[in-house]
Each structure stands twice: as C-alpha cells, then as structure tokens.
Amino acid sequence: MGEVPRPGAGEVLVRVRAASLNRRDLLILDGTYPLPAVEGVVPLSDGAGEVVAVGDGVRRAAVGDRVAVTYFRRWIDGPMTAALIGEQYGCNLGGMLARYQVVDEESVVRIPARLSFEEAATLPCAGVLAWSALTAGERPPAVGQSVLTVGGGVVATFGIQLAAAAGARVIAVTSGARRAERLRALGAAEVVDRRAVPDWEEAVREFTGGRGVDQVIDAVGPATLERSIRSVGFNGQLALIGAFGAKDAVLDPNVFLGRFLTVRRPVVGSRATFESLLAALAEHGTRPVIDRVFGFEEAREAYRYFRDEEPFGKVVISVD
C-alpha cells in the first residue's frame, strides 16, 4: 500500500470501506463515455467510508463521520451547469476504488447508522438517479399515483423500491420470468415480460384502465422510448435514463399527437437530492439490493461479473 494522502484546505480524507460499479464505469473503461477520463485515474464514482482526517477550514465533516461521496464534486443544489458536470469522481477526479481517497468537503454526505458501508456505496449514482427520476422537480410519487419502470437494471430496481415504498402503484416491464418474480418481490404490483408481450404498452394501458401511468422511468433507452411514451397518461412525466446503443431505433414523431407529457433526461443528482434520498430510505426502511460483494483484490473479477453475468442488484467491492 502506498503513502496515505493528506487532505488540503477544504478537503477530507476518506478511508474507503466499499465501492460499487455502474454501467458508466464500463463506458469509461471502453473509452465511450462522453466525458474523457484522465489517464491513470482511480475508477468508480460510488463509494462510502469514514472520515479519518480533515484539512484546514473544513466545516461539513469531522473525523469519525460515516460518509458517502457524491457523483459530482460541487453540485450542491439547484440546476446542473456545464461547469459542474465536468467534475466527476472516477473519471477526471480520483474515484473510490482505493483504500484512501481525498475529496472536496462539499462532496460528502453523512450516511445513517442503519446502512452498512456496502449498502451506502450503492447509492451515489443509481440510487440518486432513480430518486431524481421519480421526484420530477421535487414531486415524489404518492398514494394514488402509478409509476412504470422499463428495464431490469439497478436504476429500475431502485425506482420500484422507492415508488412502492411511497405508496404508488408500480408496473414493471422487464425480460424473463425469473427477473419478473424478483421485481414483484420488491413491490411491483404488475410485471410485464416484454419477451412474452412485445406490445407491452397496451398491457400498461389496460392495467391503468386506459389512462396510462403518471410517471415512467425508462432505463433502457431509444429502443423502448416510443412504447414508453404510449404508456404515459395525460400530463405525465417520462424520465429517460438509458440512452446508449440502439443506433437503429426510430421514433415515430406522430407518437406525440394528442399526448401531453414531459420528457426529462435526469443527470444523476445534486448533493441535496442525495440527502433527500437518504431521508426517504430512512422514512420507509428501504434497503438497497446487492447482488454480490467482491473483495478489494477481486476488482477485475467484479468488473467481469458486472459486464457479463446480468446481476440483479448492485455489484459491490469491499475495501476492508
């Protein structure tokens, strides 16, 4: 192990206890992520640990605090800007696949004692992104509303858990009977297997008495966007999360005729959104779904497993 770094003014030193993988990390590895990575940068945006040292002037954290680190370095609240989006841990700033990492004090969020470091490490990207998609301008789902999730990945999984915990009726579209049963266990009231029901938007309309859903989290992308639009009710919200691949996907512009909806492209979330997510998890007792935990020396195997094995839930690397 190399020399332990020292925090400068306004910085904290985190003893990392766990980190987790996101699809974004595969894109960075493959060189296809929109923001170029710094050569030799420590990877992974998502991690949690404990503060072991603070630099001059630090007020937001103290030695001994259990913390997670935000996806963006300085996005505290309010709208995203071009300047803020260009500072990302694990891409052009040192990430969390390390035993120790120095981060900006504005980037740390205290995590509750009820969450393990492994659970907290699943939240900064996928968890916050799902919460951003659901809150749609600070309007979280509620009893009497309906939410559709498209896809079986971690963002959709978080979306199901959070929406169901808030009392919304959740409809999930996924692939495969086994994954469908797991989504029901997480709180989905109805699950449609898109392999068995290719025109799944019709099933969604039937489930809602022809009205369509109030909110959609489309975690697949262009290949499913048109069907997602057809599933939205009057003045509904559609959050487009997945937007990679499917280069041949074609969107019929007539799909918007007679439909009034808002299509959003959430960009993970601010520190305030992260803190709001933690409050929601605490209120409802919701715990993240973890598929598998690897050891620190098994990081390469964790990457391979995440890429090739279609995990259900988050893949975590324990740094202990």
Protein backbone atom coordinates (compact mmCIF):
# COMPACT_ATOMS: atom_id res chain seq x y z
CA MET A 1 0.00 0.00 0.00
CA GLY A 2 1.33 3.44 -0.95
CA GLU A 3 1.64 6.51 1.21
CA VAL A 4 -1.65 7.72 2.70
CA PRO A 5 -2.58 11.07 1.09
CA ARG A 6 -3.13 14.23 3.12
CA PRO A 7 -6.17 16.48 2.69
CA GLY A 8 -5.64 20.10 1.75
CA ALA A 9 -7.75 23.10 2.69
CA GLY A 10 -11.43 22.34 2.25
CA GLU A 11 -10.77 18.63 1.73
CA VAL A 12 -11.37 15.46 3.72
CA LEU A 13 -9.56 12.12 3.70
CA VAL A 14 -11.92 9.15 3.47
CA ARG A 15 -10.92 5.64 4.47
CA VAL A 16 -12.94 3.85 1.80
CA ARG A 17 -14.80 0.79 3.05
CA ALA A 18 -16.84 -0.13 -0.04
CA ALA A 19 -17.35 0.91 -3.64
CA SER A 20 -19.81 -0.17 -6.33
CA LEU A 21 -19.95 -0.48 -10.09
CA ASN A 22 -22.22 1.31 -12.55
CA ARG A 23 -22.63 0.97 -16.29
CA ARG A 24 -20.88 4.32 -16.56
CA ASP A 25 -17.71 2.64 -15.29
CA LEU A 26 -17.78 0.17 -18.18
CA LEU A 27 -18.21 3.03 -20.66
CA ILE A 28 -15.19 4.80 -19.15
CA LEU A 29 -13.17 1.59 -19.37
CA ASP A 30 -14.19 1.16 -23.02
CA GLY A 31 -13.48 4.79 -23.89
CA THR A 32 -17.08 5.51 -24.90
CA TYR A 33 -18.12 7.75 -22.01
CA PRO A 34 -18.94 11.34 -23.14
CA LEU A 35 -16.50 12.87 -20.63
CA PRO A 36 -12.92 11.77 -21.31
CA ALA A 37 -11.24 10.05 -18.40
CA VAL A 38 -7.91 11.21 -17.05
CA GLU A 39 -5.22 8.64 -17.79
CA GLY A 40 -4.48 6.56 -14.72
CA VAL A 41 -7.38 7.95 -12.69
CA VAL A 42 -8.65 5.82 -9.78
CA PRO A 43 -12.01 4.43 -11.04
CA LEU A 44 -15.55 4.21 -9.62
CA SER A 45 -17.72 7.15 -8.65
CA ASP A 46 -19.63 5.30 -5.94
CA GLY A 47 -18.17 4.66 -2.52
CA ALA A 48 -18.60 5.01 1.22
CA GLY A 49 -16.30 5.03 4.21
CA GLU A 50 -15.23 7.03 7.22
CA VAL A 51 -13.51 10.37 7.54
CA VAL A 52 -10.04 9.91 9.04
CA ALA A 53 -8.57 13.41 8.52
CA VAL A 54 -9.75 16.89 7.53
CA GLY A 55 -7.97 19.84 6.01
CA ASP A 56 -7.95 23.46 7.10
CA GLY A 57 -11.30 25.20 7.17
CA VAL A 58 -13.46 22.07 6.86
CA ARG A 59 -16.88 22.52 8.46
CA ARG A 60 -19.09 19.86 6.83
CA ALA A 61 -17.33 16.77 8.15
CA ALA A 62 -15.39 15.59 11.17
CA VAL A 63 -13.07 12.70 11.89
CA GLY A 64 -15.15 9.59 12.54
CA ASP A 65 -18.10 10.55 10.32
CA ARG A 66 -19.54 7.74 8.19
CA VAL A 67 -19.96 9.23 4.71
CA ALA A 68 -20.71 8.54 1.07
CA VAL A 69 -19.32 10.68 -1.73
CA THR A 70 -21.45 12.43 -4.33
CA TYR A 71 -21.15 11.68 -8.04
CA PHE A 72 -20.32 15.29 -8.92
CA ARG A 73 -17.72 17.21 -6.98
CA ARG A 74 -19.53 20.51 -6.38
CA TRP A 75 -23.18 20.14 -7.44
CA ILE A 76 -24.82 21.09 -4.17
CA ASP A 77 -28.37 22.05 -5.22
CA GLY A 78 -30.29 23.77 -7.99
CA PRO A 79 -29.90 23.12 -11.73
CA MET A 80 -26.93 21.37 -13.28
CA THR A 81 -24.48 23.54 -15.23
CA ALA A 82 -21.82 22.79 -17.81
CA ALA A 83 -19.10 23.67 -15.30
CA LEU A 84 -20.50 21.33 -12.64
CA ILE A 85 -20.95 18.35 -14.95
CA GLY A 86 -17.28 18.39 -15.86
CA GLU A 87 -16.06 17.36 -12.39
CA GLN A 88 -16.80 13.68 -11.80
CA TYR A 89 -15.20 11.25 -9.39
CA GLY A 90 -13.84 8.15 -11.04
CA CYS A 91 -13.47 9.89 -14.39
CA ASN A 92 -11.43 13.09 -14.23
CA LEU A 93 -11.17 13.11 -10.42
CA GLY A 94 -9.83 10.25 -8.30
CA GLY A 95 -12.56 7.70 -7.62
CA MET A 96 -13.45 5.30 -4.83
CA LEU A 97 -11.66 2.08 -5.77
CA ALA A 98 -8.91 2.91 -3.29
CA ARG A 99 -8.16 2.37 0.36
CA TYR A 100 -7.95 6.12 0.95
CA GLN A 101 -9.26 9.00 -1.15
CA VAL A 102 -9.14 12.77 -0.71
CA VAL A 103 -12.38 14.51 -1.71
CA ASP A 104 -13.83 18.00 -1.53
CA GLU A 105 -15.75 18.58 1.71
CA GLU A 106 -18.74 19.68 -0.40
CA SER A 107 -18.87 16.14 -1.81
CA VAL A 108 -19.52 14.20 1.38
CA VAL A 109 -22.91 13.15 2.70
CA ARG A 110 -23.34 11.59 6.13
CA ILE A 111 -24.90 8.12 5.97
CA PRO A 112 -27.22 6.70 8.64
CA ALA A 113 -26.02 4.01 11.01
CA ARG A 114 -28.69 1.59 9.75
CA LEU A 115 -26.96 1.36 6.35
CA SER A 116 -23.80 -0.69 6.01
CA PHE A 117 -20.90 0.76 4.04
CA GLU A 118 -21.70 -1.74 1.27
CA GLU A 119 -25.31 -0.54 1.11
CA ALA A 120 -24.37 3.14 1.19
CA ALA A 121 -21.86 2.58 -1.62
CA THR A 122 -24.70 1.57 -3.96
CA LEU A 123 -26.44 4.95 -3.76
CA PRO A 124 -24.46 7.87 -5.26
CA CYS A 125 -25.17 7.08 -8.92
CA ALA A 126 -28.04 4.59 -9.45
CA GLY A 127 -29.93 5.34 -6.24
CA VAL A 128 -29.77 9.11 -6.63
CA LEU A 129 -30.59 8.84 -10.34
CA ALA A 130 -33.72 6.79 -9.64
CA TRP A 131 -34.79 9.29 -6.97
CA SER A 132 -34.17 12.21 -9.36
CA ALA A 133 -36.32 10.48 -11.97
CA LEU A 134 -39.16 9.89 -9.52
CA THR A 135 -39.20 13.28 -7.82
CA ALA A 136 -39.51 15.11 -11.16
CA GLY A 137 -38.87 18.59 -9.88
CA GLU A 138 -39.45 17.77 -6.20
CA ARG A 139 -42.74 15.96 -6.77
CA PRO A 140 -42.18 12.50 -5.31
CA PRO A 141 -44.64 9.69 -6.08
CA ALA A 142 -47.56 9.28 -3.74
CA VAL A 143 -50.52 7.08 -2.91
CA GLY A 144 -52.95 7.02 -5.83
CA GLN A 145 -50.30 7.54 -8.47
CA SER A 146 -48.89 4.98 -10.89
CA VAL A 147 -45.27 4.50 -11.92
CA LEU A 148 -43.91 2.42 -14.78
CA THR A 149 -40.33 1.15 -14.81
CA VAL A 150 -38.82 -0.18 -18.04
CA GLY A 151 -35.78 -2.40 -17.66
CA GLY A 152 -34.45 -4.73 -15.02
CA GLY A 153 -31.23 -2.96 -14.08
CA VAL A 154 -30.31 -1.22 -10.86
CA VAL A 155 -31.94 2.13 -11.67
CA ALA A 156 -35.25 0.40 -12.38
CA THR A 157 -34.81 -1.72 -9.24
CA PHE A 158 -34.27 1.36 -7.10
CA GLY A 159 -37.25 3.02 -8.82
CA ILE A 160 -39.55 0.14 -7.95
CA GLN A 161 -38.46 0.10 -4.33
CA LEU A 162 -38.76 3.86 -3.84
CA ALA A 163 -42.07 4.28 -5.66
CA ALA A 164 -43.70 1.30 -3.94
CA ALA A 165 -42.48 2.47 -0.53
CA ALA A 166 -44.11 5.86 -1.16
CA GLY A 167 -47.44 4.13 -1.85
CA ALA A 168 -47.54 4.39 -5.63
CA ARG A 169 -48.75 1.53 -7.79
CA VAL A 170 -45.77 0.20 -9.73
CA ILE A 171 -45.90 -1.54 -13.10
CA ALA A 172 -42.61 -3.02 -14.29
CA VAL A 173 -41.53 -4.09 -17.76
CA THR A 174 -38.60 -6.50 -17.85
CA SER A 175 -37.28 -9.59 -19.64
CA GLY A 176 -37.61 -13.09 -18.25
CA ALA A 177 -39.90 -14.79 -15.76
CA ARG A 178 -37.29 -15.13 -13.01
CA ARG A 179 -36.45 -11.44 -13.03
CA ALA A 180 -40.17 -10.64 -13.13
CA GLU A 181 -40.74 -12.58 -9.91
CA ARG A 182 -37.91 -10.72 -8.21
CA LEU A 183 -39.39 -7.36 -9.22
CA ARG A 184 -42.75 -8.39 -7.76
CA ALA A 185 -41.00 -9.23 -4.52
CA LEU A 186 -39.57 -5.69 -4.46
CA GLY A 187 -43.02 -4.12 -4.71
CA ALA A 188 -44.14 -4.13 -8.34
CA ALA A 189 -47.91 -4.67 -8.47
CA GLU A 190 -47.82 -5.87 -12.09
CA VAL A 191 -44.89 -7.07 -14.16
CA VAL A 192 -44.90 -7.49 -17.94
CA ASP A 193 -42.36 -9.76 -19.61
CA ARG A 194 -41.60 -7.93 -22.85
CA ARG A 195 -40.39 -11.16 -24.44
CA ALA A 196 -43.82 -12.70 -23.98
CA VAL A 197 -45.73 -9.42 -24.56
CA PRO A 198 -43.89 -7.39 -27.23
CA ASP A 199 -46.64 -4.72 -27.30
CA TRP A 200 -46.29 -4.15 -23.59
CA GLU A 201 -47.56 -0.57 -23.74
CA GLU A 202 -51.02 -1.98 -24.44
CA ALA A 203 -50.82 -4.08 -21.27
CA VAL A 204 -49.81 -0.98 -19.32
CA ARG A 205 -52.83 0.94 -20.62
CA GLU A 206 -55.07 -1.98 -19.66
CA PHE A 207 -53.63 -2.09 -16.14
CA THR A 208 -54.50 1.61 -15.77
CA GLY A 209 -57.98 1.45 -17.25
CA GLY A 210 -56.80 3.15 -20.44
CA ARG A 211 -55.47 6.23 -18.63
CA GLY A 212 -51.76 5.49 -18.74
CA VAL A 213 -49.29 5.98 -15.91
CA ASP A 214 -48.34 9.17 -14.11
CA GLN A 215 -44.60 8.55 -14.34
CA VAL A 216 -42.21 6.41 -16.37
CA ILE A 217 -38.60 5.55 -15.65
CA ASP A 218 -37.25 4.24 -18.95
CA ALA A 219 -33.91 2.69 -18.06
CA VAL A 220 -33.41 1.08 -21.47
CA GLY A 221 -33.29 3.99 -23.91
CA PRO A 222 -34.19 4.69 -27.55
CA ALA A 223 -35.28 1.12 -28.23
CA THR A 224 -38.18 1.42 -25.79
CA LEU A 225 -38.82 5.17 -25.80
CA GLU A 226 -41.79 5.12 -28.19
CA ARG A 227 -43.60 2.43 -26.21
CA SER A 228 -42.86 4.33 -23.00
CA ILE A 229 -44.40 7.47 -24.48
CA ARG A 230 -47.52 5.49 -25.41
CA SER A 231 -47.74 4.32 -21.79
CA VAL A 232 -47.82 7.81 -20.24
CA GLY A 233 -51.10 9.35 -19.15
CA PHE A 234 -52.23 12.95 -19.67
CA ASN A 235 -49.62 15.47 -18.47
CA GLY A 236 -47.43 12.65 -17.19
CA GLN A 237 -43.67 12.55 -16.67
CA LEU A 238 -41.15 10.39 -18.54
CA ALA A 239 -37.57 10.12 -17.32
CA LEU A 240 -35.24 8.75 -19.98
CA ILE A 241 -32.33 7.09 -18.19
CA GLY A 242 -30.89 4.65 -20.68
CA ALA A 243 -29.75 6.37 -23.87
CA PHE A 244 -26.91 4.20 -25.11
CA GLY A 245 -26.88 1.76 -28.02
CA ALA A 246 -29.91 1.01 -30.21
CA LYS A 247 -28.47 3.14 -33.01
CA ASP A 248 -31.11 1.85 -35.42
CA ALA A 249 -34.05 2.79 -33.18
CA VAL A 250 -36.56 5.02 -34.95
CA LEU A 251 -39.07 7.25 -33.16
CA ASP A 252 -42.35 7.94 -34.96
CA PRO A 253 -43.00 11.69 -34.45
CA ASN A 254 -46.74 11.02 -34.59
CA VAL A 255 -46.45 9.34 -31.19
CA PHE A 256 -46.76 12.83 -29.67
CA LEU A 257 -50.07 13.62 -31.38
CA GLY A 258 -52.77 14.02 -28.76
CA ARG A 259 -50.33 13.34 -25.95
CA PHE A 260 -49.18 15.88 -23.39
CA LEU A 261 -46.20 14.85 -21.33
CA THR A 262 -42.81 15.98 -20.08
CA VAL A 263 -39.74 14.03 -21.19
CA ARG A 264 -36.71 14.55 -18.94
CA ARG A 265 -33.12 13.33 -19.06
CA PRO A 266 -32.00 13.30 -15.41
CA VAL A 267 -28.28 13.67 -14.80
CA VAL A 268 -27.82 11.68 -11.57
CA GLY A 269 -28.42 14.37 -8.94
CA SER A 270 -27.15 17.02 -6.61
CA ARG A 271 -25.99 16.64 -3.02
CA ALA A 272 -29.39 17.91 -1.88
CA THR A 273 -31.05 15.15 -3.94
CA PHE A 274 -28.77 12.57 -2.32
CA GLU A 275 -29.73 13.82 1.14
CA SER A 276 -33.42 13.70 0.16
CA LEU A 277 -32.95 10.09 -0.98
CA LEU A 278 -31.39 9.16 2.35
CA ALA A 279 -34.34 10.72 4.16
CA ALA A 280 -36.77 8.67 2.03
CA LEU A 281 -34.85 5.46 2.70
CA ALA A 282 -34.92 6.18 6.43
CA GLU A 283 -38.64 7.00 6.41
CA HIS A 284 -39.63 3.76 4.72
CA GLY A 285 -36.88 1.44 5.93
CA THR A 286 -35.87 0.64 2.37
CA ARG A 287 -32.57 -1.17 1.81
CA PRO A 288 -30.64 -1.36 -1.48
CA VAL A 289 -30.47 -4.65 -3.34
CA ILE A 290 -26.95 -6.09 -3.55
CA ASP A 291 -26.28 -8.95 -5.93
CA ARG A 292 -22.73 -9.79 -4.88
CA VAL A 293 -19.82 -8.38 -2.85
CA PHE A 294 -16.25 -8.88 -4.06
CA GLY A 295 -13.03 -8.30 -2.16
CA PHE A 296 -10.68 -5.44 -2.99
CA GLU A 297 -8.19 -7.79 -4.65
CA GLU A 298 -11.04 -9.19 -6.77
CA ALA A 299 -11.80 -5.89 -8.51
CA ARG A 300 -11.04 -7.25 -12.00
CA GLU A 301 -13.39 -10.17 -11.40
CA ALA A 302 -16.05 -7.74 -10.16
CA TYR A 303 -15.81 -5.82 -13.44
CA ARG A 304 -16.08 -9.03 -15.43
CA TYR A 305 -19.03 -10.27 -13.42
CA PHE A 306 -20.82 -6.93 -13.74
CA ARG A 307 -20.32 -6.87 -17.52
CA ASP A 308 -21.13 -10.50 -18.33
CA GLU A 309 -23.45 -12.03 -15.73
CA GLU A 310 -26.55 -9.75 -15.72
CA PRO A 311 -26.58 -9.26 -11.93
CA PHE A 312 -29.80 -8.48 -10.10
CA GLY A 313 -28.93 -5.53 -7.91
CA LYS A 314 -25.62 -3.82 -7.29
CA VAL A 315 -22.15 -5.30 -7.59
CA VAL A 316 -20.06 -4.07 -4.66
CA ILE A 317 -16.35 -4.18 -3.88
CA SER A 318 -15.47 -4.30 -0.19
CA VAL A 319 -12.28 -2.43 0.59
CA ASP A 320 -11.93 -3.82 4.12
